Protein backbone atom coordinates (compact mmCIF):
# COMPACT_ATOMS: atom_id res chain seq x y z
CA MET A 1 -6.68 -13.07 25.23
CA PRO A 2 -6.71 -12.12 21.47
CA ILE A 3 -9.97 -9.93 20.67
CA LEU A 4 -11.75 -9.28 17.38
CA ASP A 5 -11.72 -5.77 16.09
CA TRP A 6 -13.72 -4.28 13.26
CA VAL A 7 -15.10 -0.87 12.01
CA ASP A 8 -17.25 0.86 14.59
CA LYS A 9 -16.73 -1.75 17.28
CA ASP A 10 -16.75 1.01 19.92
CA LYS A 11 -20.55 1.84 18.95
CA ALA A 12 -21.40 -1.89 19.05
CA LEU A 13 -19.91 -2.17 22.61
CA LYS A 14 -22.38 0.65 23.74
CA ALA A 15 -25.33 -0.29 21.68
CA ALA A 16 -27.02 -2.60 24.26
CA ASP A 17 -26.85 0.13 26.98
CA GLY A 18 -28.03 2.68 24.60
CA ALA A 19 -31.04 0.86 23.33
CA PRO A 20 -34.22 2.50 24.54
CA TYR A 21 -36.04 0.68 27.31
CA ARG A 22 -39.59 -0.07 25.79
CA LEU A 23 -42.62 -1.69 27.20
CA LEU A 24 -44.12 -4.85 25.97
CA GLU A 25 -47.83 -4.66 24.87
CA GLU A 26 -50.00 -7.55 24.48
CA VAL A 27 -51.99 -8.02 21.37
CA PRO A 28 -54.93 -10.08 22.52
CA LYS A 29 -56.40 -10.82 19.27
CA LEU A 30 -53.10 -12.60 18.16
CA SER A 31 -52.77 -14.47 21.57
CA PHE A 32 -54.06 -17.93 21.70
CA GLY A 33 -55.01 -20.74 23.96
CA ASP A 34 -54.55 -21.14 27.60
CA ALA A 35 -53.88 -17.68 29.30
CA ASP A 36 -52.17 -19.16 32.06
CA HIS A 37 -48.92 -20.02 30.22
CA GLU A 38 -45.64 -17.80 30.15
CA ASN A 39 -45.12 -18.42 26.51
CA MET A 40 -44.44 -15.19 24.47
CA LEU A 41 -44.18 -14.33 20.92
CA ILE A 42 -42.75 -10.78 20.42
CA GLN A 43 -42.88 -8.81 17.13
CA GLY A 44 -40.13 -6.00 17.00
CA ASP A 45 -36.53 -5.32 16.69
CA ASN A 46 -34.81 -7.89 18.79
CA LEU A 47 -32.26 -5.46 20.26
CA ASP A 48 -35.07 -3.49 21.96
CA ALA A 49 -37.18 -6.65 22.70
CA LEU A 50 -34.33 -8.13 24.56
CA LYS A 51 -33.52 -4.97 26.55
CA ALA A 52 -37.01 -4.81 27.43
CA LEU A 53 -36.94 -8.48 28.63
CA ILE A 54 -33.97 -7.81 30.94
CA PRO A 55 -36.10 -6.86 34.00
CA TYR A 56 -38.34 -9.81 33.63
CA TYR A 57 -36.00 -12.65 32.57
CA ALA A 58 -32.34 -11.56 33.44
CA GLY A 59 -30.75 -14.81 34.82
CA ARG A 60 -33.91 -17.15 33.97
CA VAL A 61 -33.44 -18.35 30.46
CA LYS A 62 -31.89 -21.91 30.46
CA CYS A 63 -31.30 -22.35 26.79
CA ILE A 64 -31.00 -19.92 23.85
CA PHE A 65 -31.04 -21.03 20.30
CA ILE A 66 -30.51 -18.52 17.39
CA ASP A 67 -30.15 -18.91 13.80
CA PRO A 68 -29.00 -15.36 12.81
CA PRO A 69 -28.70 -14.18 9.23
CA TYR A 70 -25.65 -15.83 7.83
CA ASN A 71 -24.41 -12.83 5.89
CA THR A 72 -23.92 -15.04 2.85
CA GLY A 73 -24.12 -12.25 0.23
CA SER A 74 -27.30 -13.20 -1.23
CA ALA A 75 -30.77 -11.58 -0.59
CA PHE A 76 -33.39 -13.44 1.30
CA ASP A 77 -37.21 -12.74 1.12
CA HIS A 78 -37.44 -11.84 4.82
CA TYR A 79 -34.35 -9.91 5.59
CA ASP A 80 -31.38 -8.46 3.85
CA ASP A 81 -28.69 -10.95 4.50
CA ASN A 82 -26.10 -9.03 2.17
CA VAL A 83 -24.65 -7.00 5.01
CA GLU A 84 -21.05 -5.89 5.07
CA HIS A 85 -18.85 -7.83 7.47
CA SER A 86 -18.41 -5.15 10.14
CA LYS A 87 -21.86 -4.06 10.01
CA TRP A 88 -23.04 -7.74 10.56
CA LEU A 89 -20.58 -7.96 13.57
CA SER A 90 -22.05 -4.74 15.00
CA LEU A 91 -25.56 -6.15 14.49
CA ILE A 92 -24.72 -9.33 16.25
CA TYR A 93 -22.51 -8.15 19.34
CA PRO A 94 -25.10 -6.14 21.54
CA ARG A 95 -27.77 -8.80 20.88
CA VAL A 96 -25.39 -11.52 21.97
CA GLU A 97 -24.32 -9.36 25.07
CA LEU A 98 -27.99 -9.03 26.13
CA LEU A 99 -28.75 -12.89 25.59
CA ARG A 100 -25.66 -13.57 27.94
CA ASP A 101 -27.35 -11.48 30.47
CA LEU A 102 -30.69 -13.48 30.19
CA LEU A 103 -29.05 -16.91 30.66
CA THR A 104 -29.16 -18.70 33.96
CA GLU A 105 -25.78 -19.33 35.57
CA ASP A 106 -26.04 -23.00 34.21
CA GLY A 107 -27.47 -21.98 30.92
CA THR A 108 -26.26 -22.37 27.36
CA ILE A 109 -26.32 -20.62 24.09
CA TRP A 110 -26.49 -22.39 20.72
CA ILE A 111 -25.89 -20.58 17.52
CA THR A 112 -25.95 -21.88 13.87
CA LEU A 113 -23.79 -20.16 11.09
CA ASP A 114 -21.79 -21.22 8.02
CA ASP A 115 -18.22 -20.77 7.19
CA ARG A 116 -18.45 -17.20 6.31
CA GLU A 117 -18.80 -15.71 9.73
CA SER A 118 -18.70 -18.68 12.28
CA HIS A 119 -14.97 -18.37 13.05
CA TYR A 120 -15.26 -14.57 13.51
CA PHE A 121 -18.39 -15.19 15.72
CA LYS A 122 -16.45 -17.58 17.94
CA VAL A 123 -13.71 -15.12 18.48
CA MET A 124 -16.28 -12.39 19.60
CA CYS A 125 -18.08 -15.14 21.90
CA ASP A 126 -14.80 -15.93 23.35
CA GLU A 127 -14.64 -12.12 24.35
CA LEU A 128 -18.25 -12.03 25.62
CA PHE A 129 -18.43 -15.45 27.40
CA GLY A 130 -14.76 -16.23 28.22
CA ARG A 131 -13.01 -18.84 26.23
CA LYS A 132 -13.42 -21.12 29.37
CA ASN A 133 -17.03 -21.23 28.72
CA PHE A 134 -16.67 -22.43 25.30
CA ILE A 135 -18.30 -25.89 24.85
CA ALA A 136 -18.03 -27.03 21.16
CA ASN A 137 -18.39 -26.35 17.73
CA ALA A 138 -20.65 -29.10 16.58
CA ILE A 139 -21.37 -29.98 12.86
CA TRP A 140 -24.90 -30.24 11.52
CA GLU A 141 -25.08 -32.03 8.27
CA LYS A 142 -27.67 -29.81 6.71
CA SER A 143 -27.32 -31.52 3.30
CA ASP A 144 -28.30 -35.28 2.68
CA SER A 145 -26.73 -35.25 -0.80
CA PRO A 146 -23.95 -33.31 -2.69
CA ARG A 147 -24.55 -30.43 -5.05
CA MET A 148 -23.41 -31.49 -8.55
CA ASP A 149 -23.04 -27.90 -9.80
CA ALA A 150 -20.68 -26.92 -6.89
CA VAL A 151 -17.45 -25.29 -8.22
CA PHE A 152 -15.03 -26.22 -5.42
CA PHE A 153 -16.74 -27.98 -2.41
CA SER A 154 -20.33 -28.98 -2.22
CA SER A 155 -21.13 -27.60 1.32
CA ARG A 156 -22.98 -30.02 3.47
CA HIS A 157 -22.67 -28.66 6.93
CA ASP A 158 -23.29 -25.70 9.16
CA HIS A 159 -21.66 -24.88 12.46
CA LEU A 160 -23.43 -25.09 15.86
CA LEU A 161 -21.51 -23.28 18.37
CA ALA A 162 -22.40 -23.96 22.03
CA TYR A 163 -21.27 -21.73 24.98
CA ALA A 164 -22.13 -21.66 28.62
CA LYS A 165 -22.88 -18.72 30.82
CA ASN A 166 -20.82 -20.62 33.37
CA LYS A 167 -19.40 -23.87 32.33
CA GLU A 168 -18.66 -24.81 35.94
CA PHE A 169 -22.44 -25.02 36.59
CA ALA A 170 -23.51 -26.24 33.21
CA GLU A 171 -24.89 -29.90 32.86
CA PHE A 172 -25.95 -31.75 29.56
CA ASN A 173 -28.51 -34.56 29.36
CA ARG A 174 -27.59 -37.56 27.50
CA LEU A 175 -29.30 -38.56 24.17
CA PRO A 176 -31.40 -41.63 23.83
CA ALA A 177 -29.29 -44.66 23.17
CA GLU A 178 -30.09 -46.90 20.29
CA ILE A 179 -29.84 -50.61 20.82
CA ALA A 180 -27.84 -52.33 18.13
CA ASP A 181 -29.63 -54.83 15.71
CA HIS A 182 -27.63 -57.80 17.07
CA TYR A 183 -29.94 -57.59 20.18
CA ASN A 184 -32.24 -59.65 18.28
CA ARG A 185 -34.14 -61.42 21.09
CA VAL A 186 -36.76 -60.15 23.55
CA ASP A 187 -37.56 -61.49 27.03
CA ASP A 188 -41.06 -61.61 28.52
CA LYS A 189 -40.57 -58.08 30.00
CA GLY A 190 -39.80 -56.55 26.47
CA ARG A 191 -36.02 -56.27 27.04
CA ARG A 192 -33.75 -56.87 24.02
CA TYR A 193 -30.90 -59.07 24.21
CA TYR A 194 -28.47 -61.64 22.65
CA THR A 195 -26.74 -64.67 23.83
CA LYS A 196 -23.12 -65.84 24.03
CA PRO A 197 -21.97 -69.33 25.12
CA LEU A 198 -21.38 -69.55 28.75
CA ARG A 199 -18.39 -71.88 28.11
CA ALA A 200 -15.09 -69.71 27.95
CA MET A 201 -13.79 -69.66 24.29
CA GLY A 202 -10.50 -67.98 24.85
CA GLY A 203 -8.00 -70.69 24.28
CA GLN A 204 -5.26 -72.44 26.18
CA GLY A 205 -5.95 -70.16 29.30
CA ASP A 206 -9.55 -71.29 29.36
CA SER A 207 -8.68 -74.92 30.17
CA ARG A 208 -9.65 -76.74 33.33
CA GLU A 209 -6.02 -76.79 34.45
CA ALA A 210 -5.68 -73.05 33.89
CA ARG A 211 -9.09 -72.28 35.71
CA PRO A 212 -9.84 -75.00 37.98
CA THR A 213 -12.59 -73.07 40.00
CA LEU A 214 -14.51 -72.54 36.79
CA TYR A 215 -14.87 -76.16 36.18
CA TYR A 216 -18.11 -77.45 37.56
CA ALA A 217 -21.35 -79.30 36.55
CA LEU A 218 -24.46 -77.43 35.57
CA GLU A 219 -27.88 -78.96 35.64
CA ALA A 220 -29.67 -79.01 32.19
CA PRO A 221 -33.58 -78.74 31.90
CA ASP A 222 -33.84 -82.51 31.67
CA GLY A 223 -31.74 -82.81 34.81
CA SER A 224 -28.61 -84.17 33.28
CA LYS A 225 -25.18 -82.83 34.18
CA VAL A 226 -23.18 -80.54 31.78
CA TYR A 227 -19.54 -79.87 32.14
CA PRO A 228 -17.64 -77.30 29.96
CA VAL A 229 -16.06 -79.05 27.14
CA ARG A 230 -13.59 -77.48 24.64
CA GLN A 231 -13.67 -78.09 20.95
CA ASP A 232 -11.08 -80.56 21.12
CA GLY A 233 -12.91 -82.59 23.61
CA THR A 234 -10.80 -81.75 26.60
CA ASP A 235 -12.17 -80.22 29.87
CA GLY A 236 -12.66 -76.46 29.60
CA ALA A 237 -14.19 -73.86 31.86
CA TRP A 238 -17.26 -71.72 32.43
CA ARG A 239 -17.17 -67.85 32.19
CA TRP A 240 -18.95 -67.38 35.47
CA ARG A 241 -18.35 -68.90 38.93
CA GLU A 242 -20.90 -71.24 40.20
CA GLU A 243 -22.45 -68.71 42.66
CA LYS A 244 -22.85 -66.11 39.84
CA VAL A 245 -24.73 -68.95 37.76
CA ARG A 246 -27.12 -69.34 40.72
CA ASP A 247 -27.66 -65.71 41.19
CA GLU A 248 -28.04 -64.87 37.47
CA SER A 249 -30.03 -68.04 36.64
CA GLU A 250 -32.70 -65.97 34.92
CA ARG A 251 -30.01 -64.98 32.44
CA ILE A 252 -29.24 -68.70 31.30
CA ASP A 253 -30.78 -70.00 28.16
CA TRP A 254 -30.41 -73.58 27.41
CA VAL A 255 -30.17 -75.10 23.82
CA ASN A 256 -30.45 -78.66 23.16
CA GLY A 257 -28.04 -79.10 20.16
CA LYS A 258 -26.70 -82.16 18.17
CA LYS A 259 -24.09 -82.78 21.04
CA GLY A 260 -26.57 -82.28 23.83
CA TRP A 261 -27.38 -79.36 26.12
CA VAL A 262 -25.48 -76.09 25.82
CA PRO A 263 -25.89 -73.11 28.18
CA TYR A 264 -25.87 -69.55 26.85
CA TYR A 265 -26.03 -66.34 28.84
CA ARG A 266 -27.98 -63.16 27.94
CA ILE A 267 -26.49 -59.78 27.15
CA TYR A 268 -29.14 -57.02 27.50
CA GLY A 269 -29.12 -53.89 25.48
CA ASP A 270 -29.25 -51.10 28.28
CA ALA A 271 -30.43 -47.83 26.80
CA SER A 272 -31.34 -46.35 30.05
CA GLN A 273 -28.09 -44.40 30.48
CA GLY A 274 -28.28 -42.79 27.13
CA ARG A 275 -25.38 -41.54 25.22
CA PRO A 276 -23.34 -38.42 25.26
CA ALA A 277 -23.84 -35.59 22.71
CA GLU A 278 -21.57 -35.92 19.85
CA THR A 279 -20.02 -33.05 17.78
CA ILE A 280 -21.57 -34.34 14.65
CA PHE A 281 -25.28 -34.03 14.04
CA PRO A 282 -26.01 -36.27 11.11
CA HIS A 283 -29.16 -35.55 9.00
CA SER A 284 -30.42 -39.01 10.10
CA LEU A 285 -30.56 -37.85 13.65
CA ALA A 286 -31.23 -34.01 13.27
CA GLY A 287 -32.81 -33.68 9.89
CA SER A 288 -31.65 -31.65 6.87
CA ASN A 289 -32.59 -28.54 4.83
CA ARG A 290 -34.82 -30.92 2.72
CA THR A 291 -36.48 -32.11 5.90
CA SER A 292 -37.33 -28.59 7.19
CA LYS A 293 -38.35 -27.12 3.85
CA SER A 294 -40.90 -30.22 3.69
CA GLU A 295 -42.09 -29.20 7.23
CA ILE A 296 -42.59 -25.64 6.37
CA LYS A 297 -44.42 -26.56 2.98
CA LYS A 298 -46.89 -28.66 4.90
CA LEU A 299 -47.50 -25.98 7.42
CA PHE A 300 -47.92 -23.33 4.84
CA PRO A 301 -48.59 -24.88 1.33
CA VAL A 302 -49.75 -21.86 -0.32
CA ASP A 303 -47.30 -19.22 1.06
CA ASN A 304 -43.89 -20.87 1.84
CA PRO A 305 -41.34 -18.08 1.65
CA PHE A 306 -38.62 -19.32 3.98
CA GLY A 307 -35.49 -20.44 2.15
CA THR A 308 -33.47 -21.48 5.29
CA PRO A 309 -35.61 -22.93 8.07
CA LYS A 310 -34.06 -25.29 10.48
CA PRO A 311 -35.74 -28.76 10.92
CA GLU A 312 -37.69 -29.39 14.20
CA SER A 313 -35.52 -32.50 14.89
CA LEU A 314 -32.33 -30.28 15.02
CA ILE A 315 -33.86 -27.96 17.74
CA LYS A 316 -35.12 -31.19 19.53
CA CYS A 317 -31.63 -32.40 19.72
CA VAL A 318 -30.29 -29.15 21.25
CA LEU A 319 -33.33 -28.96 23.81
CA THR A 320 -32.96 -32.58 24.78
CA ILE A 321 -29.31 -32.14 25.46
CA ALA A 322 -29.53 -28.59 27.18
CA THR A 323 -32.96 -28.41 28.92
CA ASN A 324 -35.64 -30.27 30.88
CA PRO A 325 -39.49 -29.97 30.93
CA GLY A 326 -40.48 -26.55 32.33
CA ASP A 327 -37.19 -24.84 31.40
CA LEU A 328 -37.31 -21.42 29.46
CA VAL A 329 -36.04 -21.23 26.02
CA LEU A 330 -35.41 -18.21 23.92
CA ASP A 331 -34.99 -17.55 20.18
CA SER A 332 -34.34 -13.90 19.30
CA PHE A 333 -34.20 -14.76 15.43
CA LEU A 334 -37.44 -16.83 15.43
CA GLY A 335 -37.92 -16.92 11.59
CA SER A 336 -40.53 -19.38 10.96
CA GLY A 337 -41.19 -20.23 14.45
CA THR A 338 -39.40 -23.58 14.69
CA THR A 339 -37.77 -23.17 17.98
CA ALA A 340 -41.04 -22.08 19.61
CA ALA A 341 -42.90 -24.92 18.09
CA VAL A 342 -40.28 -27.50 19.27
CA ALA A 343 -40.14 -26.05 22.67
CA HIS A 344 -43.97 -26.17 23.00
CA LYS A 345 -44.26 -29.77 21.94
CA MET A 346 -41.54 -30.71 24.27
CA GLY A 347 -42.98 -29.16 27.36
CA ARG A 348 -40.55 -26.17 27.54
CA LYS A 349 -41.57 -22.43 28.19
CA TYR A 350 -40.35 -20.31 25.36
CA ILE A 351 -39.97 -16.64 24.19
CA GLY A 352 -39.77 -15.90 20.32
CA ILE A 353 -38.75 -12.64 19.10
CA GLU A 354 -39.19 -11.90 15.24
CA LEU A 355 -39.05 -8.47 13.52
CA GLY A 356 -40.80 -9.03 10.13
CA ASP A 357 -44.56 -9.29 9.30
CA HIS A 358 -44.23 -13.11 9.33
CA ALA A 359 -44.42 -12.98 13.05
CA VAL A 360 -48.11 -12.23 12.45
CA THR A 361 -48.57 -14.11 9.16
CA HIS A 362 -46.58 -17.33 9.98
CA CYS A 363 -45.14 -17.48 13.59
CA ALA A 364 -48.44 -16.86 15.36
CA PRO A 365 -50.43 -19.16 13.02
CA ARG A 366 -47.78 -21.88 13.31
CA MET A 367 -48.15 -21.83 17.00
CA GLN A 368 -52.01 -21.94 16.80
CA LYS A 369 -51.61 -25.15 14.74
CA VAL A 370 -49.22 -26.59 17.30
CA ILE A 371 -51.77 -25.89 20.10
CA GLU A 372 -54.50 -27.43 18.19
CA GLY A 373 -52.42 -30.55 17.79
CA GLU A 374 -50.33 -30.19 14.55
CA PRO A 375 -49.08 -33.66 13.64
CA GLY A 376 -45.90 -32.65 11.70
CA GLY A 377 -42.22 -32.48 12.68
CA ILE A 378 -41.42 -34.05 15.95
CA SER A 379 -44.98 -34.29 16.96
CA LYS A 380 -45.17 -38.19 16.64
CA ALA A 381 -41.84 -38.62 18.40
CA CYS A 382 -43.04 -36.42 21.37
CA LYS A 383 -46.49 -37.87 21.53
CA TRP A 384 -47.82 -34.36 20.81
CA GLU A 385 -51.67 -34.00 20.86
CA GLY A 386 -52.22 -30.32 21.56
CA GLY A 387 -52.84 -27.88 24.37
CA GLY A 388 -51.19 -24.92 25.89
CA GLY A 389 -51.16 -21.28 24.82
CA PHE A 390 -48.98 -18.19 24.07
CA ARG A 391 -49.36 -14.43 24.40
CA PHE A 392 -48.51 -12.21 21.36
CA PHE A 393 -46.66 -8.79 22.31
CA ARG A 394 -45.47 -5.88 20.24
CA LEU A 395 -42.89 -3.33 21.62
CA GLY A 396 -44.48 -0.16 22.92
CA GLU A 397 -43.30 3.23 23.57
CA GLY A 398 -40.15 4.13 25.45
CA VAL A 399 -40.67 4.31 29.06
CA PHE A 400 -38.04 6.78 30.06
CA ASP A 401 -36.95 10.16 28.39
CA GLU A 402 -33.29 11.13 28.30
CA ALA A 403 -33.46 12.57 31.88
CA GLY A 404 -34.61 9.21 33.31
CA GLN A 405 -38.33 10.32 34.00
CA ILE A 406 -41.32 8.28 32.84
CA ASN A 407 -42.68 9.42 29.46
CA PRO A 408 -45.62 11.55 30.13
CA ASP A 409 -47.42 9.73 27.34
CA ILE A 410 -47.27 6.54 29.08
CA ARG A 411 -50.56 5.86 30.62
CA PHE A 412 -51.55 3.98 33.63
CA PRO A 413 -52.79 0.78 31.82
CA VAL A 414 -49.46 0.49 29.96
CA LEU A 415 -47.22 1.12 33.10
CA ALA A 416 -49.48 -1.07 35.09
CA ALA A 417 -49.02 -4.02 32.61
CA HIS A 418 -45.23 -3.49 32.82
CA VAL A 419 -45.04 -3.23 36.68
CA TRP A 420 -47.55 -6.39 36.99
CA PHE A 421 -45.38 -8.42 34.41
CA SER A 422 -42.02 -7.53 35.85
CA GLU A 423 -43.24 -8.69 39.47
CA THR A 424 -45.27 -11.69 38.50
CA HIS A 425 -43.83 -12.85 34.98
CA THR A 426 -47.61 -13.24 33.82
CA PRO A 427 -49.58 -10.98 31.55
CA TRP A 428 -51.78 -8.44 33.25
CA THR A 429 -55.41 -8.82 32.44
CA GLY A 430 -56.70 -5.73 34.26
CA LYS A 431 -58.53 -2.80 32.78
CA GLY A 432 -56.62 0.13 34.57
CA LYS A 433 -59.56 1.16 36.62
CA SER A 434 -58.01 0.43 40.00
CA PRO A 435 -54.59 0.94 41.74
CA LEU A 436 -54.77 -2.67 42.73
CA LEU A 437 -53.24 -4.40 39.82
CA GLY A 438 -54.05 -7.98 41.28
CA VAL A 439 -53.03 -10.59 43.73
CA HIS A 440 -50.28 -13.14 42.83
CA ASN A 441 -49.13 -15.91 45.14
CA GLY A 442 -50.74 -14.02 48.00
CA VAL A 443 -49.14 -10.75 47.32
CA ALA A 444 -51.11 -7.60 46.45
CA TYR A 445 -49.54 -5.24 43.97
CA TYR A 446 -50.51 -1.62 43.76
CA LEU A 447 -49.65 1.24 41.31
CA LEU A 448 -50.10 4.91 42.19
CA TYR A 449 -49.81 6.68 39.02
CA ASN A 450 -51.41 8.93 36.64
CA GLY A 451 -54.46 10.04 38.86
CA ILE A 452 -55.69 6.44 39.14
CA LEU A 453 -57.60 7.33 42.49
CA GLY A 454 -59.60 10.00 40.48
CA ASP A 455 -57.66 13.01 41.55
CA ARG A 456 -57.87 15.92 39.19
CA LYS A 457 -54.10 16.20 38.99
CA PRO A 458 -52.19 13.23 37.94
CA GLN A 459 -49.59 13.94 40.54
CA ASN A 460 -51.93 13.91 43.41
CA GLY A 461 -52.56 10.39 44.72
CA ASN A 462 -49.23 9.24 43.63
CA VAL A 463 -47.84 9.64 46.98
CA LEU A 464 -48.47 6.89 49.46
CA THR A 465 -49.83 8.82 52.46
CA SER A 466 -52.25 7.53 55.32
CA ARG A 467 -55.17 8.91 53.48
CA ILE A 468 -54.29 7.26 50.28
CA LEU A 469 -53.52 3.96 52.10
CA ALA A 470 -57.02 4.04 53.55
CA GLU A 471 -58.47 4.40 50.09
CA LEU A 472 -56.62 1.48 48.58
CA PRO A 473 -58.65 -1.61 47.97
CA PRO A 474 -57.95 -3.78 51.01
CA HIS A 475 -55.83 -6.82 51.10
CA ASP A 476 -55.01 -9.07 54.25
CA GLY A 477 -51.48 -9.96 53.32
CA PRO A 478 -48.31 -8.71 51.99
CA LYS A 479 -48.60 -5.67 49.59
CA VAL A 480 -46.07 -4.15 47.01
CA VAL A 481 -46.95 -0.48 46.43
CA TYR A 482 -45.27 1.57 43.62
CA GLY A 483 -45.49 5.38 43.86
CA GLU A 484 -43.51 8.58 43.63
CA TRP A 485 -42.73 8.85 47.36
CA THR A 486 -43.92 7.89 50.85
CA PRO A 487 -43.47 9.63 54.18
CA PHE A 488 -43.96 6.27 55.95
CA LYS A 489 -40.76 5.16 57.81
CA ALA A 490 -39.60 1.52 57.81
CA ASP A 491 -41.40 0.65 61.04
CA ARG A 492 -44.80 1.94 59.59
CA LEU A 493 -44.11 0.04 56.27
CA ARG A 494 -43.43 -3.21 58.17
CA LYS A 495 -46.54 -2.86 60.30
CA GLU A 496 -48.63 -2.25 57.17
CA ASP A 497 -46.78 -5.30 55.54
CA ILE A 498 -45.96 -3.11 52.57
CA VAL A 499 -42.89 -3.13 50.35
CA PHE A 500 -42.63 0.39 48.77
CA LYS A 501 -40.99 0.76 45.32
CA GLN A 502 -40.40 4.25 44.06
CA THR A 503 -41.11 5.17 40.44
CA PRO A 504 -39.48 5.76 38.04
CA TYR A 505 -36.29 4.37 39.76
CA ASP A 506 -37.57 0.85 40.62
CA VAL A 507 -39.07 0.08 37.15
CA LYS A 508 -35.92 0.89 35.13
CA ALA A 509 -34.39 -1.84 33.23
CA ARG A 510 -31.08 -2.04 34.89
């Protein structure tokens, strides 16, 4: 398979493995709403953030949507988009590599780009995902009108590339189907339909002689007998057999016209099966740049610095196709927070990562507004009225030194939060005063680290011995204990209902 090469590609191939493994530290004052939700906003470099998420979420993310810098050659307010081509590829490659590892086996990743880099990006993704896992290059109609000052072409579209982690397992939902205008009648159950004559209208082949079994009398509402008669007055034929007319009697409408009673049958507009996703996302369906700028302006009327946001309806299309309620969505180039906002309103869990200060000044405030019932964007279509919550995190210190040992500056509460989150996938709310981190789904989690049991020397008490076990807060049920070492053999661990995990090895990223 042909591969893409660029300056310093060898460094890009090693960047993901070489990224420091850092902790995620919650910032409670920036978190908002219901604490029981898994939703996360993370401020920091997305390479480090994705590396930090691997032990928690590898293989758990159903859908990834990213809108990375387009490398258009113009400076944007919140990032330098004027990056030389090779540097752009080196920036993107390790991040997509980690994103791939986070996907479920049936998960998909969606990437928006323009013509400048999309074709190179596809070749790169063919290498990372395999060409067999390429799904489509869809077109999003980002502009609803031409730019009259364009020199060559007025660009009205962006690319929306879709890849599967494993196309063999990926499944897409169908989009809601619209019922055409000619379904202009409604029955007593609210179903739309239109009618066609029950008499066959084809021609010579629809005569009584050609179709004798379809020539019979029907009883009109007044009790009179009605036969199929052709336009020339000769005997014709009905479309349905007599048995079907009886079985489908509720679908027959009678009209009393100039020439007497005429039966019609109803054709219902069935939208229940939906329609397949198409490779063109028109602005009427997915919104445009004009739509998204209007949405952002309403959210931030005073400070509206985002030049290239995506409309909520575009993300809604993607999540409708690729996810179901409760699935986990990730956006590592969160920007103004659109993906998180749409996922929240649609009942999906989400993780959003953003480097800049606007993670605090725009993303978090936007999500607060969503939780409070913000009515813009897709809110009306989703019947959104508010609720839920998110947790705000920043990247902490590196956990391990070059020798693979835990950084001595990492204190108990920080490592405890990491261990708890990696085991339960929920934020830790403890205070760091007990080796018992908490009980989750009936399992108690303990951390022996940093002299938490009150020993003078931090290394004392980090080994699970009989004395230490007797001092641990009791739990009648299964236990997971993190510590430096234990002399207990397998039989003793089973007897005590303990799973022992050794630090630092069992808390590494990979």
